[in-house]
Amino acid sequence: MATKKSQFDRQTLLQVLEGVGGEISFHAPLGASTSLRIGGPADALVVPADIDDVRMLVRQAKIGKVPLFVMGGTNILIRDGGIRGIVIQLTRLNRIRLELGDVLYAQAGVRMPTLLGQAIRRSLSGLEWAAGIPGTVGGGVVTNAGTKLGEMSDVLTAIEIVDDRGAVRRVDASELSFAYRYARVPKRVIVGAWFQLLHATKAQIESQTKGYLRYRKDTQPLTLPNAGSIFKNPLGTSAGALIEATGLKGMQVGDAQISPKHGNFIVNTGNACAHDVIRLIQKVRRAVSARTGVRLQLELKVVGEALS
């Protein structure tokens, strides 16, 4: 597949990345880093070793006028042309610590199943809603991740960010704005978050968590690459119900398919590309609108550039 030419030459990128620790690769395919297994390349992909590397990268990218994109791998579709500039993955920011007996601090690269597991181990309740959510803490904050049991904003007390000067700051949750699958947060790099939890019996927490995990396995296509819910639920109904009522389960464009198990999931059955997914989304929107009058709104975040 052809790829788009970057507007940033290798020398410019090297200058911005000078002294930054961690893992660095150029013209790096991003598909393997997403839950859909789809995505074109980044001009440069950086996995910083620690927060100090993030600070240096933010400062130098600002000076060099090279855009930064912080990538979580779930609920995202990267177009086939990829992302220009530098993509940051925070997977090595993976520390968790207990504060004040019932507050968990987690760095942005901590995976949600790991955070939930640490809460259960400490007999702390409040994150059961996250059972089965595969994303990271940072991504969960930005999208106000949640389920019918609860959401990130229910337990988030503060976030830790690196601002555009490279300084580390704490921002209280009261300064943020939350909505359904959305959080208005500073346009900076989130590197950590604090969660206020409650003490409960481990047996009670495990029982609720296992029950919801069973529900997800029974109702969602967790064995195939997917990005979670594609559309937001309209007021008073669910996107999945509207899609299923329109008879769209199993509809396919290329290797992108509306899951036969859940109408609000698109699965990659083999070698789907972003163009396939976007065409399928367009078909679903048109069909649902024609039958119900409802214009479905995306929950999936589409980023990057299309191939010309």
C-alpha atoms as a PDB file:
ATOM      1  CA  MET A   1       0.000   0.000   0.000  1.00  0.00           C
ATOM      2  CA  ALA A   2       1.287   3.480  -0.864  1.00  0.00           C
ATOM      3  CA  THR A   3       2.026   5.912   1.954  1.00  0.00           C
ATOM      4  CA  LYS A   4       1.973   9.685   2.242  1.00  0.00           C
ATOM      5  CA  LYS A   5       5.163  11.717   2.167  1.00  0.00           C
ATOM      6  CA  SER A   6       5.934  13.570   5.393  1.00  0.00           C
ATOM      7  CA  GLN A   7       6.318  17.341   5.514  1.00  0.00           C
ATOM      8  CA  PHE A   8       9.069  16.834   8.133  1.00  0.00           C
ATOM      9  CA  ASP A   9      12.493  15.674   6.979  1.00  0.00           C
ATOM     10  CA  ARG A  10      14.532  13.188   8.970  1.00  0.00           C
ATOM     11  CA  GLN A  11      16.969  15.846  10.190  1.00  0.00           C
ATOM     12  CA  THR A  12      14.185  17.981  11.691  1.00  0.00           C
ATOM     13  CA  LEU A  13      12.793  14.968  13.538  1.00  0.00           C
ATOM     14  CA  LEU A  14      16.246  13.982  14.792  1.00  0.00           C
ATOM     15  CA  GLN A  15      16.787  17.478  16.199  1.00  0.00           C
ATOM     16  CA  VAL A  16      13.496  17.338  18.101  1.00  0.00           C
ATOM     17  CA  LEU A  17      14.283  13.858  19.398  1.00  0.00           C
ATOM     18  CA  GLU A  18      17.867  14.599  20.458  1.00  0.00           C
ATOM     19  CA  GLY A  19      18.493  13.423  24.013  1.00  0.00           C
ATOM     20  CA  VAL A  20      15.051  11.807  24.408  1.00  0.00           C
ATOM     21  CA  GLY A  21      15.318   8.361  25.962  1.00  0.00           C
ATOM     22  CA  GLY A  22      13.152   5.320  25.363  1.00  0.00           C
ATOM     23  CA  GLU A  23      12.313   3.661  22.067  1.00  0.00           C
ATOM     24  CA  ILE A  24      12.295   5.627  18.792  1.00  0.00           C
ATOM     25  CA  SER A  25      11.393   4.407  15.312  1.00  0.00           C
ATOM     26  CA  PHE A  26      10.820   6.194  12.022  1.00  0.00           C
ATOM     27  CA  HIS A  27       8.091   5.606   9.444  1.00  0.00           C
ATOM     28  CA  ALA A  28       6.595   3.277  12.022  1.00  0.00           C
ATOM     29  CA  PRO A  29       3.414   1.313  11.183  1.00  0.00           C
ATOM     30  CA  LEU A  30       0.760   1.988  13.816  1.00  0.00           C
ATOM     31  CA  GLY A  31      -1.742  -0.769  13.085  1.00  0.00           C
ATOM     32  CA  ALA A  32      -0.149  -3.275  15.433  1.00  0.00           C
ATOM     33  CA  SER A  33      -0.525  -0.751  18.270  1.00  0.00           C
ATOM     34  CA  THR A  34      -4.312  -0.395  17.861  1.00  0.00           C
ATOM     35  CA  SER A  35      -7.035  -2.775  18.936  1.00  0.00           C
ATOM     36  CA  LEU A  36      -8.481  -2.694  15.383  1.00  0.00           C
ATOM     37  CA  ARG A  37      -5.070  -3.676  13.943  1.00  0.00           C
ATOM     38  CA  ILE A  38      -5.455  -0.878  11.385  1.00  0.00           C
ATOM     39  CA  GLY A  39      -3.420   2.257  10.731  1.00  0.00           C
ATOM     40  CA  GLY A  40      -0.852   3.898   8.493  1.00  0.00           C
ATOM     41  CA  PRO A  41       2.631   4.949   9.657  1.00  0.00           C
ATOM     42  CA  ALA A  42       3.847   7.700  11.952  1.00  0.00           C
ATOM     43  CA  ASP A  43       6.742   9.862  10.799  1.00  0.00           C
ATOM     44  CA  ALA A  44       8.282   8.999  14.154  1.00  0.00           C
ATOM     45  CA  LEU A  45       7.012   6.833  17.005  1.00  0.00           C
ATOM     46  CA  VAL A  46       8.404   7.473  20.479  1.00  0.00           C
ATOM     47  CA  VAL A  47       7.917   5.379  23.613  1.00  0.00           C
ATOM     48  CA  PRO A  48       9.442   7.621  26.326  1.00  0.00           C
ATOM     49  CA  ALA A  49      11.260   5.860  29.146  1.00  0.00           C
ATOM     50  CA  ASP A  50       9.896   8.194  31.823  1.00  0.00           C
ATOM     51  CA  ILE A  51       8.182  11.520  32.502  1.00  0.00           C
ATOM     52  CA  ASP A  52      11.451  13.436  32.127  1.00  0.00           C
ATOM     53  CA  ASP A  53      11.668  12.167  28.538  1.00  0.00           C
ATOM     54  CA  VAL A  54       8.116  13.375  27.950  1.00  0.00           C
ATOM     55  CA  ARG A  55       9.046  16.811  29.299  1.00  0.00           C
ATOM     56  CA  MET A  56      12.072  17.062  27.010  1.00  0.00           C
ATOM     57  CA  LEU A  57      10.085  15.887  23.986  1.00  0.00           C
ATOM     58  CA  VAL A  58       7.291  18.407  24.586  1.00  0.00           C
ATOM     59  CA  ARG A  59       9.741  21.303  24.925  1.00  0.00           C
ATOM     60  CA  GLN A  60      11.769  20.371  21.855  1.00  0.00           C
ATOM     61  CA  ALA A  61       8.751  19.652  19.685  1.00  0.00           C
ATOM     62  CA  LYS A  62       7.407  23.121  20.477  1.00  0.00           C
ATOM     63  CA  ILE A  63      10.710  24.726  19.502  1.00  0.00           C
ATOM     64  CA  GLY A  64      10.918  22.649  16.318  1.00  0.00           C
ATOM     65  CA  LYS A  65       7.218  23.227  15.480  1.00  0.00           C
ATOM     66  CA  VAL A  66       6.618  19.492  15.072  1.00  0.00           C
ATOM     67  CA  PRO A  67       3.163  18.287  16.168  1.00  0.00           C
ATOM     68  CA  LEU A  68       2.821  15.638  18.865  1.00  0.00           C
ATOM     69  CA  PHE A  69       0.028  13.077  18.988  1.00  0.00           C
ATOM     70  CA  VAL A  70      -0.461  10.954  22.102  1.00  0.00           C
ATOM     71  CA  MET A  71      -1.871   7.626  21.059  1.00  0.00           C
ATOM     72  CA  GLY A  72      -4.010   5.194  22.962  1.00  0.00           C
ATOM     73  CA  GLY A  73      -4.698   2.008  21.051  1.00  0.00           C
ATOM     74  CA  THR A  74      -8.428   1.558  21.639  1.00  0.00           C
ATOM     75  CA  ASN A  75     -11.503   3.376  20.335  1.00  0.00           C
ATOM     76  CA  ILE A  76      -9.355   4.898  17.601  1.00  0.00           C
ATOM     77  CA  LEU A  77      -9.133   4.518  13.835  1.00  0.00           C
ATOM     78  CA  ILE A  78      -5.929   5.715  12.190  1.00  0.00           C
ATOM     79  CA  ARG A  79      -6.401   6.511   8.524  1.00  0.00           C
ATOM     80  CA  ASP A  80      -4.290   4.658   5.979  1.00  0.00           C
ATOM     81  CA  GLY A  81      -1.991   7.632   5.293  1.00  0.00           C
ATOM     82  CA  GLY A  82      -0.864   7.633   8.907  1.00  0.00           C
ATOM     83  CA  ILE A  83       0.021  10.528  11.219  1.00  0.00           C
ATOM     84  CA  ARG A  84       2.438  13.340  10.452  1.00  0.00           C
ATOM     85  CA  GLY A  85       4.872  14.471  13.100  1.00  0.00           C
ATOM     86  CA  ILE A  86       5.643  12.492  16.251  1.00  0.00           C
ATOM     87  CA  VAL A  87       3.375   9.918  17.857  1.00  0.00           C
ATOM     88  CA  ILE A  88       3.902   9.247  21.562  1.00  0.00           C
ATOM     89  CA  GLN A  89       3.010   5.980  23.256  1.00  0.00           C
ATOM     90  CA  LEU A  90       3.164   6.077  27.038  1.00  0.00           C
ATOM     91  CA  THR A  91       3.308   2.322  27.652  1.00  0.00           C
ATOM     92  CA  ARG A  92       6.465   2.625  29.783  1.00  0.00           C
ATOM     93  CA  LEU A  93       4.721   5.039  32.177  1.00  0.00           C
ATOM     94  CA  ASN A  94       3.257   2.114  34.074  1.00  0.00           C
ATOM     95  CA  ARG A  95       3.657   2.792  37.786  1.00  0.00           C
ATOM     96  CA  ILE A  96       0.859   2.531  40.357  1.00  0.00           C
ATOM     97  CA  ARG A  97       0.975   3.580  43.996  1.00  0.00           C
ATOM     98  CA  LEU A  98      -1.446   3.769  46.901  1.00  0.00           C
ATOM     99  CA  GLU A  99      -1.932   7.119  48.637  1.00  0.00           C
ATOM    100  CA  LEU A 100      -3.898   7.967  51.806  1.00  0.00           C
ATOM    101  CA  GLY A 101      -5.237   4.432  52.129  1.00  0.00           C
ATOM    102  CA  ASP A 102      -7.945   4.646  49.469  1.00  0.00           C
ATOM    103  CA  VAL A 103      -6.503   6.788  46.642  1.00  0.00           C
ATOM    104  CA  LEU A 104      -4.732   5.096  43.744  1.00  0.00           C
ATOM    105  CA  TYR A 105      -2.310   7.030  41.557  1.00  0.00           C
ATOM    106  CA  ALA A 106      -1.601   5.485  38.163  1.00  0.00           C
ATOM    107  CA  GLN A 107       0.625   6.692  35.368  1.00  0.00           C
ATOM    108  CA  ALA A 108      -1.015   7.209  31.988  1.00  0.00           C
ATOM    109  CA  GLY A 109       0.374   4.054  30.382  1.00  0.00           C
ATOM    110  CA  VAL A 110      -1.123   1.713  32.993  1.00  0.00           C
ATOM    111  CA  ARG A 111      -3.663  -0.545  31.323  1.00  0.00           C
ATOM    112  CA  MET A 112      -7.174  -0.442  32.749  1.00  0.00           C
ATOM    113  CA  PRO A 113      -7.240  -4.199  33.556  1.00  0.00           C
ATOM    114  CA  THR A 114      -4.023  -3.697  35.565  1.00  0.00           C
ATOM    115  CA  LEU A 115      -5.501  -0.752  37.460  1.00  0.00           C
ATOM    116  CA  LEU A 116      -8.643  -2.746  38.248  1.00  0.00           C
ATOM    117  CA  GLY A 117      -6.545  -5.712  39.369  1.00  0.00           C
ATOM    118  CA  GLN A 118      -4.525  -3.520  41.733  1.00  0.00           C
ATOM    119  CA  ALA A 119      -7.728  -2.058  43.184  1.00  0.00           C
ATOM    120  CA  ILE A 120      -9.135  -5.541  43.794  1.00  0.00           C
ATOM    121  CA  ARG A 121      -5.879  -6.682  45.427  1.00  0.00           C
ATOM    122  CA  ARG A 122      -6.165  -3.766  47.851  1.00  0.00           C
ATOM    123  CA  SER A 123      -9.916  -4.346  48.451  1.00  0.00           C
ATOM    124  CA  LEU A 124     -10.813  -1.007  46.870  1.00  0.00           C
ATOM    125  CA  SER A 125     -14.134  -0.569  45.107  1.00  0.00           C
ATOM    126  CA  GLY A 126     -15.158   1.944  42.445  1.00  0.00           C
ATOM    127  CA  LEU A 127     -13.539   0.602  39.285  1.00  0.00           C
ATOM    128  CA  GLU A 128     -15.719  -2.467  38.724  1.00  0.00           C
ATOM    129  CA  TRP A 129     -17.297  -0.738  35.717  1.00  0.00           C
ATOM    130  CA  ALA A 130     -13.911  -1.022  33.973  1.00  0.00           C
ATOM    131  CA  ALA A 131     -14.026  -4.825  33.801  1.00  0.00           C
ATOM    132  CA  GLY A 132     -13.101  -5.813  30.263  1.00  0.00           C
ATOM    133  CA  ILE A 133     -12.108  -2.317  29.094  1.00  0.00           C
ATOM    134  CA  PRO A 134      -8.724  -2.818  27.364  1.00  0.00           C
ATOM    135  CA  GLY A 135      -7.415   0.764  27.146  1.00  0.00           C
ATOM    136  CA  THR A 136      -4.993   2.778  29.259  1.00  0.00           C
ATOM    137  CA  VAL A 137      -5.496   5.230  32.094  1.00  0.00           C
ATOM    138  CA  GLY A 138      -4.560   8.185  29.891  1.00  0.00           C
ATOM    139  CA  GLY A 139      -6.914   7.154  27.125  1.00  0.00           C
ATOM    140  CA  GLY A 140      -9.656   6.440  29.637  1.00  0.00           C
ATOM    141  CA  VAL A 141      -9.405   9.954  31.054  1.00  0.00           C
ATOM    142  CA  VAL A 142      -9.502  11.645  27.643  1.00  0.00           C
ATOM    143  CA  THR A 143     -12.589   9.681  26.549  1.00  0.00           C
ATOM    144  CA  ASN A 144     -14.264   9.535  29.980  1.00  0.00           C
ATOM    145  CA  ALA A 145     -14.333   5.778  29.454  1.00  0.00           C
ATOM    146  CA  GLY A 146     -17.195   3.912  31.011  1.00  0.00           C
ATOM    147  CA  THR A 147     -19.971   1.366  30.861  1.00  0.00           C
ATOM    148  CA  LYS A 148     -23.512   1.185  32.147  1.00  0.00           C
ATOM    149  CA  LEU A 149     -22.070   0.621  35.642  1.00  0.00           C
ATOM    150  CA  GLY A 150     -20.089   3.853  35.809  1.00  0.00           C
ATOM    151  CA  GLU A 151     -17.400   5.974  34.182  1.00  0.00           C
ATOM    152  CA  MET A 152     -14.026   7.565  34.724  1.00  0.00           C
ATOM    153  CA  SER A 153     -15.402  10.864  36.017  1.00  0.00           C
ATOM    154  CA  ASP A 154     -17.090   9.034  38.935  1.00  0.00           C
ATOM    155  CA  VAL A 155     -13.742   8.249  40.576  1.00  0.00           C
ATOM    156  CA  LEU A 156     -11.213  10.655  39.026  1.00  0.00           C
ATOM    157  CA  THR A 157      -9.962  13.294  41.470  1.00  0.00           C
ATOM    158  CA  ALA A 158      -7.059  14.829  39.508  1.00  0.00           C
ATOM    159  CA  ILE A 159      -4.771  14.394  36.535  1.00  0.00           C
ATOM    160  CA  GLU A 160      -1.056  14.982  36.124  1.00  0.00           C
ATOM    161  CA  ILE A 161       0.008  16.725  32.917  1.00  0.00           C
ATOM    162  CA  VAL A 162       3.114  17.932  31.148  1.00  0.00           C
ATOM    163  CA  ASP A 163       2.284  21.400  29.835  1.00  0.00           C
ATOM    164  CA  ASP A 164       3.689  23.006  26.682  1.00  0.00           C
ATOM    165  CA  ARG A 165       6.661  24.399  28.642  1.00  0.00           C
ATOM    166  CA  GLY A 166       7.588  20.916  29.789  1.00  0.00           C
ATOM    167  CA  ALA A 167       6.463  21.519  33.378  1.00  0.00           C
ATOM    168  CA  VAL A 168       4.606  18.839  35.356  1.00  0.00           C
ATOM    169  CA  ARG A 169       1.350  20.070  36.881  1.00  0.00           C
ATOM    170  CA  ARG A 170      -1.551  18.592  38.823  1.00  0.00           C
ATOM    171  CA  VAL A 171      -5.033  19.594  37.641  1.00  0.00           C
ATOM    172  CA  ASP A 172      -8.017  18.812  39.866  1.00  0.00           C
ATOM    173  CA  ALA A 173     -10.978  17.035  38.291  1.00  0.00           C
ATOM    174  CA  SER A 174     -13.170  19.980  39.324  1.00  0.00           C
ATOM    175  CA  GLU A 175     -11.315  22.055  36.702  1.00  0.00           C
ATOM    176  CA  LEU A 176     -12.226  19.587  33.945  1.00  0.00           C
ATOM    177  CA  SER A 177     -15.508  19.127  32.110  1.00  0.00           C
ATOM    178  CA  PHE A 178     -17.056  15.714  31.456  1.00  0.00           C
ATOM    179  CA  ALA A 179     -19.822  14.428  29.214  1.00  0.00           C
ATOM    180  CA  TYR A 180     -20.815  11.096  27.721  1.00  0.00           C
ATOM    181  CA  ARG A 181     -17.550   9.535  26.433  1.00  0.00           C
ATOM    182  CA  TYR A 182     -15.882  12.926  26.459  1.00  0.00           C
ATOM    183  CA  ALA A 183     -13.640  14.943  28.744  1.00  0.00           C
ATOM    184  CA  ARG A 184     -12.483  18.488  28.209  1.00  0.00           C
ATOM    185  CA  VAL A 185      -8.927  18.370  29.461  1.00  0.00           C
ATOM    186  CA  PRO A 186      -5.945  20.674  28.890  1.00  0.00           C
ATOM    187  CA  LYS A 187      -4.376  20.271  25.446  1.00  0.00           C
ATOM    188  CA  ARG A 188      -1.285  18.778  26.966  1.00  0.00           C
ATOM    189  CA  VAL A 189       0.171  15.327  27.649  1.00  0.00           C
ATOM    190  CA  ILE A 190      -1.576  13.473  30.471  1.00  0.00           C
ATOM    191  CA  VAL A 191       1.021  11.419  32.345  1.00  0.00           C
ATOM    192  CA  GLY A 192      -0.942  10.277  35.398  1.00  0.00           C
ATOM    193  CA  ALA A 193      -4.209  10.338  37.338  1.00  0.00           C
ATOM    194  CA  TRP A 194      -5.554   9.956  40.873  1.00  0.00           C
ATOM    195  CA  PHE A 195      -8.644   7.884  41.716  1.00  0.00           C
ATOM    196  CA  GLN A 196     -10.729   8.096  44.891  1.00  0.00           C
ATOM    197  CA  LEU A 197     -11.949   4.601  45.750  1.00  0.00           C
ATOM    198  CA  LEU A 198     -13.809   2.991  48.652  1.00  0.00           C
ATOM    199  CA  HIS A 199     -12.912   0.080  50.901  1.00  0.00           C
ATOM    200  CA  ALA A 200     -15.007  -3.044  50.372  1.00  0.00           C
ATOM    201  CA  THR A 201     -14.601  -6.800  50.728  1.00  0.00           C
ATOM    202  CA  LYS A 202     -12.484  -8.420  48.049  1.00  0.00           C
ATOM    203  CA  ALA A 203     -15.150 -11.096  47.530  1.00  0.00           C
ATOM    204  CA  GLN A 204     -17.813  -8.471  46.817  1.00  0.00           C
ATOM    205  CA  ILE A 205     -15.613  -6.615  44.324  1.00  0.00           C
ATOM    206  CA  GLU A 206     -14.531  -9.819  42.559  1.00  0.00           C
ATOM    207  CA  SER A 207     -18.113 -11.059  42.285  1.00  0.00           C
ATOM    208  CA  GLN A 208     -19.318  -7.895  40.578  1.00  0.00           C
ATOM    209  CA  THR A 209     -16.271  -7.757  38.321  1.00  0.00           C
ATOM    210  CA  LYS A 210     -16.570 -11.373  37.186  1.00  0.00           C
ATOM    211  CA  GLY A 211     -20.287 -10.964  36.544  1.00  0.00           C
ATOM    212  CA  TYR A 212     -19.726  -8.024  34.233  1.00  0.00           C
ATOM    213  CA  LEU A 213     -16.830  -9.742  32.469  1.00  0.00           C
ATOM    214  CA  ARG A 214     -19.136 -12.676  31.695  1.00  0.00           C
ATOM    215  CA  TYR A 215     -21.743 -10.263  30.343  1.00  0.00           C
ATOM    216  CA  ARG A 216     -19.195  -8.628  28.031  1.00  0.00           C
ATOM    217  CA  LYS A 217     -17.925 -11.968  26.740  1.00  0.00           C
ATOM    218  CA  ASP A 218     -21.486 -13.101  26.042  1.00  0.00           C
ATOM    219  CA  THR A 219     -22.580  -9.945  24.224  1.00  0.00           C
ATOM    220  CA  GLN A 220     -19.473  -8.450  22.569  1.00  0.00           C
ATOM    221  CA  PRO A 221     -17.055  -9.746  19.894  1.00  0.00           C
ATOM    222  CA  LEU A 222     -13.981  -9.790  22.090  1.00  0.00           C
ATOM    223  CA  THR A 223     -12.177 -12.499  20.055  1.00  0.00           C
ATOM    224  CA  LEU A 224     -11.773 -10.324  16.927  1.00  0.00           C
ATOM    225  CA  PRO A 225      -9.891  -7.008  16.536  1.00  0.00           C
ATOM    226  CA  ASN A 226     -12.292  -4.144  17.289  1.00  0.00           C
ATOM    227  CA  ALA A 227     -12.298  -0.603  18.657  1.00  0.00           C
ATOM    228  CA  GLY A 228     -15.188  -0.920  21.079  1.00  0.00           C
ATOM    229  CA  SER A 229     -18.394   1.005  20.474  1.00  0.00           C
ATOM    230  CA  ILE A 230     -18.397   2.812  17.127  1.00  0.00           C
ATOM    231  CA  PHE A 231     -21.344   5.168  17.736  1.00  0.00           C
ATOM    232  CA  LYS A 232     -22.582   7.055  20.778  1.00  0.00           C
ATOM    233  CA  ASN A 233     -25.917   5.950  22.158  1.00  0.00           C
ATOM    234  CA  PRO A 234     -28.700   8.377  21.193  1.00  0.00           C
ATOM    235  CA  LEU A 235     -30.925   9.636  23.993  1.00  0.00           C
ATOM    236  CA  GLY A 236     -33.414   6.973  25.050  1.00  0.00           C
ATOM    237  CA  THR A 237     -32.043   4.102  22.985  1.00  0.00           C
ATOM    238  CA  SER A 238     -28.824   2.387  21.979  1.00  0.00           C
ATOM    239  CA  ALA A 239     -26.912   2.635  18.742  1.00  0.00           C
ATOM    240  CA  GLY A 240     -26.586  -1.136  18.644  1.00  0.00           C
ATOM    241  CA  ALA A 241     -30.356  -1.610  18.848  1.00  0.00           C
ATOM    242  CA  LEU A 242     -30.944   0.839  15.979  1.00  0.00           C
ATOM    243  CA  ILE A 243     -28.314  -0.835  13.812  1.00  0.00           C
ATOM    244  CA  GLU A 244     -29.690  -4.304  14.508  1.00  0.00           C
ATOM    245  CA  ALA A 245     -33.281  -3.184  13.874  1.00  0.00           C
ATOM    246  CA  THR A 246     -32.139  -1.867  10.487  1.00  0.00           C
ATOM    247  CA  GLY A 247     -30.869  -5.331   9.615  1.00  0.00           C
ATOM    248  CA  LEU A 248     -27.207  -4.400   9.341  1.00  0.00           C
ATOM    249  CA  LYS A 249     -25.581  -7.117  11.443  1.00  0.00           C
ATOM    250  CA  GLY A 250     -22.973  -8.859   9.336  1.00  0.00           C
ATOM    251  CA  MET A 251     -22.761  -6.087   6.703  1.00  0.00           C
ATOM    252  CA  GLN A 252     -19.235  -6.001   5.305  1.00  0.00           C
ATOM    253  CA  VAL A 253     -16.949  -3.715   3.314  1.00  0.00           C
ATOM    254  CA  GLY A 254     -13.701  -5.443   2.505  1.00  0.00           C
ATOM    255  CA  ASP A 255     -12.623  -7.156   5.710  1.00  0.00           C
ATOM    256  CA  ALA A 256     -14.445  -4.648   7.940  1.00  0.00           C
ATOM    257  CA  GLN A 257     -17.698  -6.101   9.264  1.00  0.00           C
ATOM    258  CA  ILE A 258     -20.585  -5.098  11.521  1.00  0.00           C
ATOM    259  CA  SER A 259     -20.271  -7.761  14.176  1.00  0.00           C
ATOM    260  CA  PRO A 260     -22.936 -10.481  14.002  1.00  0.00           C
ATOM    261  CA  LYS A 261     -22.749 -10.489  17.816  1.00  0.00           C
ATOM    262  CA  HIS A 262     -23.243  -6.753  18.531  1.00  0.00           C
ATOM    263  CA  GLY A 263     -24.461  -4.110  16.084  1.00  0.00           C
ATOM    264  CA  ASN A 264     -22.353  -1.286  17.513  1.00  0.00           C
ATOM    265  CA  PHE A 265     -19.040  -3.063  16.948  1.00  0.00           C
ATOM    266  CA  ILE A 266     -17.015  -3.157  13.749  1.00  0.00           C
ATOM    267  CA  VAL A 267     -14.566  -6.063  13.613  1.00  0.00           C
ATOM    268  CA  ASN A 268     -11.533  -6.627  11.441  1.00  0.00           C
ATOM    269  CA  THR A 269     -12.039 -10.097   9.983  1.00  0.00           C
ATOM    270  CA  GLY A 270      -8.645 -10.186   8.274  1.00  0.00           C
ATOM    271  CA  ASN A 271      -6.852  -7.351   6.514  1.00  0.00           C
ATOM    272  CA  ALA A 272      -9.284  -4.440   6.735  1.00  0.00           C
ATOM    273  CA  CYS A 273      -7.963  -0.953   6.064  1.00  0.00           C
ATOM    274  CA  ALA A 274      -9.235   2.336   7.452  1.00  0.00           C
ATOM    275  CA  HIS A 275     -10.939   3.132   4.145  1.00  0.00           C
ATOM    276  CA  ASP A 276     -13.049  -0.026   4.537  1.00  0.00           C
ATOM    277  CA  VAL A 277     -14.111   0.961   8.050  1.00  0.00           C
ATOM    278  CA  ILE A 278     -15.007   4.512   7.030  1.00  0.00           C
ATOM    279  CA  ARG A 279     -17.093   3.308   4.070  1.00  0.00           C
ATOM    280  CA  LEU A 280     -18.889   0.879   6.366  1.00  0.00           C
ATOM    281  CA  ILE A 281     -19.596   3.635   8.899  1.00  0.00           C
ATOM    282  CA  GLN A 282     -21.052   5.792   6.114  1.00  0.00           C
ATOM    283  CA  LYS A 283     -23.303   2.961   4.938  1.00  0.00           C
ATOM    284  CA  VAL A 284     -24.560   2.340   8.482  1.00  0.00           C
ATOM    285  CA  ARG A 285     -25.293   6.013   9.088  1.00  0.00           C
ATOM    286  CA  ARG A 286     -27.247   6.340   5.866  1.00  0.00           C
ATOM    287  CA  ALA A 287     -29.268   3.184   6.465  1.00  0.00           C
ATOM    288  CA  VAL A 288     -30.126   3.986  10.091  1.00  0.00           C
ATOM    289  CA  SER A 289     -31.025   7.582   9.219  1.00  0.00           C
ATOM    290  CA  ALA A 290     -33.280   6.482   6.358  1.00  0.00           C
ATOM    291  CA  ARG A 291     -35.121   3.962   8.539  1.00  0.00           C
ATOM    292  CA  THR A 292     -35.291   5.774  11.889  1.00  0.00           C
ATOM    293  CA  GLY A 293     -34.454   9.425  11.244  1.00  0.00           C
ATOM    294  CA  VAL A 294     -31.588   9.200  13.754  1.00  0.00           C
ATOM    295  CA  ARG A 295     -28.166  10.474  12.666  1.00  0.00           C
ATOM    296  CA  LEU A 296     -25.660   8.396  14.594  1.00  0.00           C
ATOM    297  CA  GLN A 297     -22.703  10.256  16.100  1.00  0.00           C
ATOM    298  CA  LEU A 298     -19.264   8.687  16.256  1.00  0.00           C
ATOM    299  CA  GLU A 299     -17.771   7.535  19.535  1.00  0.00           C
ATOM    300  CA  LEU A 300     -14.819   6.174  17.580  1.00  0.00           C
ATOM    301  CA  LYS A 301     -12.031   8.739  17.148  1.00  0.00           C
ATOM    302  CA  VAL A 302     -10.791   8.969  13.545  1.00  0.00           C
ATOM    303  CA  VAL A 303      -7.327  10.502  13.162  1.00  0.00           C
ATOM    304  CA  GLY A 304      -4.537  10.802  10.628  1.00  0.00           C
ATOM    305  CA  GLU A 305      -4.545  11.336   6.889  1.00  0.00           C
ATOM    306  CA  ALA A 306      -6.206   9.431   4.069  1.00  0.00           C
ATOM    307  CA  LEU A 307      -4.127   8.157   1.177  1.00  0.00           C
ATOM    308  CA  SER A 308      -4.419  10.465  -1.832  1.00  0.00           C
END
